[in-house]
Amino acid sequence: MSSSNPAPRKRPTAFARQLAMAMELPFIIIGGVLIGGGGGYLLDRWLHTSPAFTLALGFIGFAGGVWEILKLLSREEKKEENGDGGR
């Protein structure tokens, strides 16, 4: 058995980081809509109202997802401008 140290881990390439982010973005939107719409649905059932809360909170969830994506993309753009490379 050899006691040599394993090779150091390589940092992900820019392509791998972009691919990971592209895979994550739809889940952020869908998660926001599901959480907001689900909460609205529960409120509608509790208050015996039409789907007003489901639609309103679903839209708020969508807007929150878009807001989160814009913040994430802004952070990534700043990293690239600074030459940080994801560190």
Protein backbone atom coordinates (compact mmCIF):
# COMPACT_ATOMS: atom_id res chain seq x y z
CA MET A 1 0.00 0.00 0.00
CA SER A 2 1.42 3.35 -1.02
CA SER A 3 1.28 6.31 1.37
CA SER A 4 1.58 8.92 -1.36
CA ASN A 5 -0.72 11.92 -1.21
CA PRO A 6 -3.57 12.02 -3.70
CA ALA A 7 -3.39 14.58 -6.47
CA PRO A 8 -4.85 17.97 -5.49
CA ARG A 9 -8.41 18.54 -6.64
CA LYS A 10 -8.76 20.69 -9.72
CA ARG A 11 -11.06 23.69 -9.64
CA PRO A 12 -14.06 23.47 -11.93
CA THR A 13 -13.66 25.10 -15.29
CA ALA A 14 -15.71 28.11 -16.31
CA PHE A 15 -17.83 25.84 -18.49
CA ALA A 16 -18.59 23.49 -15.59
CA ARG A 17 -19.58 26.42 -13.35
CA GLN A 18 -21.85 27.85 -16.05
CA LEU A 19 -23.42 24.46 -16.69
CA ALA A 20 -24.07 23.96 -12.98
CA MET A 21 -25.68 27.40 -12.77
CA ALA A 22 -27.82 26.75 -15.86
CA MET A 23 -29.07 23.54 -14.25
CA GLU A 24 -29.87 25.35 -10.99
CA LEU A 25 -31.79 28.34 -12.37
CA PRO A 26 -35.02 26.54 -13.37
CA PHE A 27 -35.29 25.00 -9.91
CA ILE A 28 -35.11 28.43 -8.32
CA ILE A 29 -38.07 29.67 -10.39
CA ILE A 30 -40.11 26.49 -9.96
CA GLY A 31 -39.37 26.37 -6.23
CA GLY A 32 -40.56 29.94 -5.75
CA VAL A 33 -43.79 29.32 -7.61
CA LEU A 34 -44.45 26.05 -5.78
CA ILE A 35 -43.77 27.49 -2.35
CA GLY A 36 -45.78 30.67 -2.98
CA GLY A 37 -48.61 28.90 -4.79
CA GLY A 38 -48.70 26.12 -2.21
CA GLY A 39 -48.96 28.63 0.61
CA GLY A 40 -51.67 30.46 -1.28
CA TYR A 41 -53.55 27.23 -1.88
CA LEU A 42 -53.49 26.43 1.83
CA LEU A 43 -54.73 29.94 2.63
CA ASP A 44 -57.51 29.60 0.06
CA ARG A 45 -58.66 26.32 1.58
CA TRP A 46 -58.49 27.69 5.12
CA LEU A 47 -60.36 30.91 4.26
CA HIS A 48 -62.75 29.25 1.73
CA THR A 49 -61.85 31.76 -0.97
CA SER A 50 -61.44 31.46 -4.70
CA PRO A 51 -57.91 30.86 -6.00
CA ALA A 52 -57.03 34.48 -5.31
CA PHE A 53 -54.29 33.71 -2.77
CA THR A 54 -52.94 30.84 -4.88
CA LEU A 55 -52.52 33.14 -7.86
CA ALA A 56 -51.23 36.11 -5.88
CA LEU A 57 -48.70 34.18 -3.83
CA GLY A 58 -47.70 32.11 -6.87
CA PHE A 59 -46.91 35.33 -8.71
CA ILE A 60 -45.00 36.66 -5.69
CA GLY A 61 -43.05 33.38 -5.61
CA PHE A 62 -42.25 33.76 -9.30
CA ALA A 63 -41.09 37.34 -8.77
CA GLY A 64 -38.97 36.22 -5.83
CA GLY A 65 -37.39 33.51 -7.99
CA VAL A 66 -36.57 36.00 -10.72
CA TRP A 67 -35.12 38.36 -8.09
CA GLU A 68 -32.93 35.56 -6.71
CA ILE A 69 -31.70 34.63 -10.20
CA LEU A 70 -30.79 38.25 -10.94
CA LYS A 71 -28.82 38.44 -7.68
CA LEU A 72 -27.04 35.18 -8.47
CA LEU A 73 -26.15 36.29 -11.99
CA SER A 74 -24.95 39.65 -10.69
CA ARG A 75 -22.64 37.93 -8.20
CA GLU A 76 -21.22 35.70 -10.93
CA GLU A 77 -20.65 38.70 -13.21
CA LYS A 78 -18.76 40.50 -10.44
CA LYS A 79 -16.59 37.41 -9.89
CA GLU A 80 -15.71 37.30 -13.57
CA GLU A 81 -14.93 41.04 -13.65
CA ASN A 82 -12.60 40.69 -10.68
CA GLY A 83 -10.88 37.69 -12.24
CA ASP A 84 -11.79 35.68 -9.18
CA GLY A 85 -12.69 32.62 -11.21
CA GLY A 86 -15.10 31.22 -8.65
CA ARG A 87 -12.86 31.32 -5.60
